Amino acid sequence: MDLKAYFDQTEGTGILATADSAGKVDAAIYSRPHILEDGQIAFITADRLTHQNLQSNPHAVYLFIEAGQTWKGKRLYLLKTSEESDPDKIESLSRRKYRQDSESNKARKRFLVYFSLDKELPLVGVNEEP
């Protein structure tokens, strides 16, 4: 099953791990990624630590644990390729809809961050390279 179909059909919990330029690691809960027609993987990020880390270190790992499963899911090793902050494009991809006229939502800075896939592995397994 390709990644777009997998994430369209599979519920679960995702964790996006990043590190800053000094190697200090952060992990945050993230929804399923957006798999674009050209194969890029995109996440909507707020202007917080994950986004800040990606400014100095473009590498990230996304862990996805399938709902109802203990050890089933995916590990995606990612490389940031670009980002944008077009609010209309971000809203069109957002799975959660916020009131556009709310002052707190107008003040929230969000980014659409694009990644290429370096490697895909099962959540748990021995298919790892040294």
Protein backbone atom coordinates (compact mmCIF):
# COMPACT_ATOMS: atom_id res chain seq x y z
CA MET A 1 0.00 0.00 0.00
CA ASP A 2 1.40 3.43 -0.89
CA LEU A 3 1.83 6.07 1.82
CA LYS A 4 -1.07 8.25 0.65
CA ALA A 5 -3.52 5.34 0.80
CA TYR A 6 -2.04 4.13 4.09
CA PHE A 7 -2.48 7.47 5.87
CA ASP A 8 -5.88 8.11 4.27
CA GLN A 9 -7.16 4.75 5.57
CA THR A 10 -5.30 4.26 8.85
CA GLU A 11 -6.08 5.93 12.16
CA GLY A 12 -3.42 6.27 14.80
CA THR A 13 -1.09 8.50 16.76
CA GLY A 14 1.91 10.26 15.27
CA ILE A 15 5.04 11.68 16.83
CA LEU A 16 7.39 14.01 14.97
CA ALA A 17 10.94 14.09 16.37
CA THR A 18 13.40 16.85 15.51
CA ALA A 19 16.72 18.09 16.87
CA ASP A 20 18.38 21.48 16.88
CA SER A 21 21.84 22.17 15.45
CA ALA A 22 23.45 21.06 18.73
CA GLY A 23 21.58 17.74 18.68
CA LYS A 24 19.09 18.54 21.46
CA VAL A 25 16.07 16.38 20.62
CA ASP A 26 12.38 17.25 20.81
CA ALA A 27 9.31 15.11 20.08
CA ALA A 28 5.73 16.26 19.63
CA ILE A 29 2.38 14.67 18.84
CA TYR A 30 1.42 15.33 15.20
CA SER A 31 -1.49 14.28 13.06
CA ARG A 32 -1.09 12.09 10.00
CA PRO A 33 1.10 13.66 7.31
CA HIS A 34 -0.22 15.07 4.06
CA ILE A 35 1.12 12.98 1.18
CA LEU A 36 1.13 15.20 -1.90
CA GLU A 37 0.70 14.17 -5.54
CA ASP A 38 4.41 14.71 -6.23
CA GLY A 39 5.39 12.37 -3.39
CA GLN A 40 6.38 15.09 -0.93
CA ILE A 41 5.29 14.73 2.67
CA ALA A 42 3.95 17.82 4.42
CA PHE A 43 3.08 18.77 7.98
CA ILE A 44 1.43 21.89 9.30
CA THR A 45 3.51 23.25 12.17
CA ALA A 46 2.99 26.08 14.60
CA ASP A 47 5.77 28.55 15.33
CA ARG A 48 7.11 26.43 18.17
CA LEU A 49 10.10 24.22 18.95
CA THR A 50 9.58 21.68 16.13
CA HIS A 51 9.55 24.47 13.55
CA GLN A 52 12.51 26.21 15.18
CA ASN A 53 14.56 22.99 15.17
CA LEU A 54 13.88 22.48 11.46
CA GLN A 55 15.44 25.87 10.70
CA SER A 56 18.88 24.65 11.78
CA ASN A 57 18.59 20.88 11.28
CA PRO A 58 16.45 19.63 8.36
CA HIS A 59 16.29 16.00 9.55
CA ALA A 60 13.23 14.57 11.30
CA VAL A 61 11.66 11.21 12.13
CA TYR A 62 7.91 10.60 12.18
CA LEU A 63 6.64 7.61 14.19
CA PHE A 64 3.10 6.46 13.53
CA ILE A 65 1.40 3.96 15.85
CA GLU A 66 -1.75 2.41 14.40
CA ALA A 67 -4.90 2.72 16.53
CA GLY A 68 -5.72 -0.46 18.41
CA GLN A 69 -2.32 -1.95 17.65
CA THR A 70 0.54 -2.21 20.09
CA TRP A 71 3.51 -2.54 17.76
CA LYS A 72 2.18 -1.84 14.27
CA GLY A 73 2.89 1.33 12.35
CA LYS A 74 5.62 3.14 10.45
CA ARG A 75 8.84 5.08 10.93
CA LEU A 76 9.48 7.75 8.30
CA TYR A 77 12.95 9.30 8.10
CA LEU A 78 12.49 12.75 6.58
CA LEU A 79 14.53 15.61 5.14
CA LYS A 80 13.01 19.10 5.05
CA THR A 81 13.02 20.50 1.52
CA SER A 82 11.06 23.76 1.89
CA GLU A 83 8.29 25.54 3.74
CA GLU A 84 5.68 28.20 3.19
CA SER A 85 3.29 30.22 5.30
CA ASP A 86 0.38 30.89 2.89
CA PRO A 87 -2.64 30.86 5.27
CA ASP A 88 -5.10 29.87 2.52
CA LYS A 89 -3.04 26.86 1.45
CA ILE A 90 -2.51 25.82 5.08
CA GLU A 91 -6.23 26.13 5.83
CA SER A 92 -7.11 24.07 2.73
CA LEU A 93 -4.96 21.19 4.02
CA SER A 94 -5.87 21.53 7.69
CA ARG A 95 -7.97 18.64 8.97
CA ARG A 96 -9.13 20.73 11.94
CA LYS A 97 -11.12 23.79 11.07
CA TYR A 98 -10.70 26.88 13.22
CA ARG A 99 -12.78 30.02 13.25
CA GLN A 100 -10.95 32.36 10.92
CA ASP A 101 -12.28 35.48 12.61
CA SER A 102 -11.08 34.60 16.10
CA GLU A 103 -8.28 36.89 17.31
CA SER A 104 -6.23 34.01 18.70
CA ASN A 105 -6.36 32.19 15.35
CA LYS A 106 -5.39 35.32 13.43
CA ALA A 107 -2.34 35.68 15.68
CA ARG A 108 -1.25 32.03 15.30
CA LYS A 109 1.61 31.70 12.88
CA ARG A 110 1.56 28.35 11.06
CA PHE A 111 3.81 26.87 8.41
CA LEU A 112 3.43 24.16 5.79
CA VAL A 113 6.71 22.25 5.93
CA TYR A 114 7.64 19.92 3.06
CA PHE A 115 9.85 16.86 3.36
CA SER A 116 11.34 14.21 1.11
CA LEU A 117 11.34 10.63 2.36
CA ASP A 118 14.81 9.27 3.08
CA LYS A 119 13.72 5.90 4.45
CA GLU A 120 10.56 4.08 5.52
CA LEU A 121 10.64 1.29 8.12
CA PRO A 122 8.02 -0.59 10.11
CA LEU A 123 7.39 0.76 13.60
CA VAL A 124 9.20 -2.24 15.08
CA GLY A 125 11.41 -4.64 13.23
CA VAL A 126 14.78 -5.81 12.14
CA ASN A 127 14.73 -4.20 8.69
CA GLU A 128 17.11 -1.50 9.90
CA GLU A 129 20.41 -0.70 8.27
CA PRO A 130 23.40 -0.22 10.59
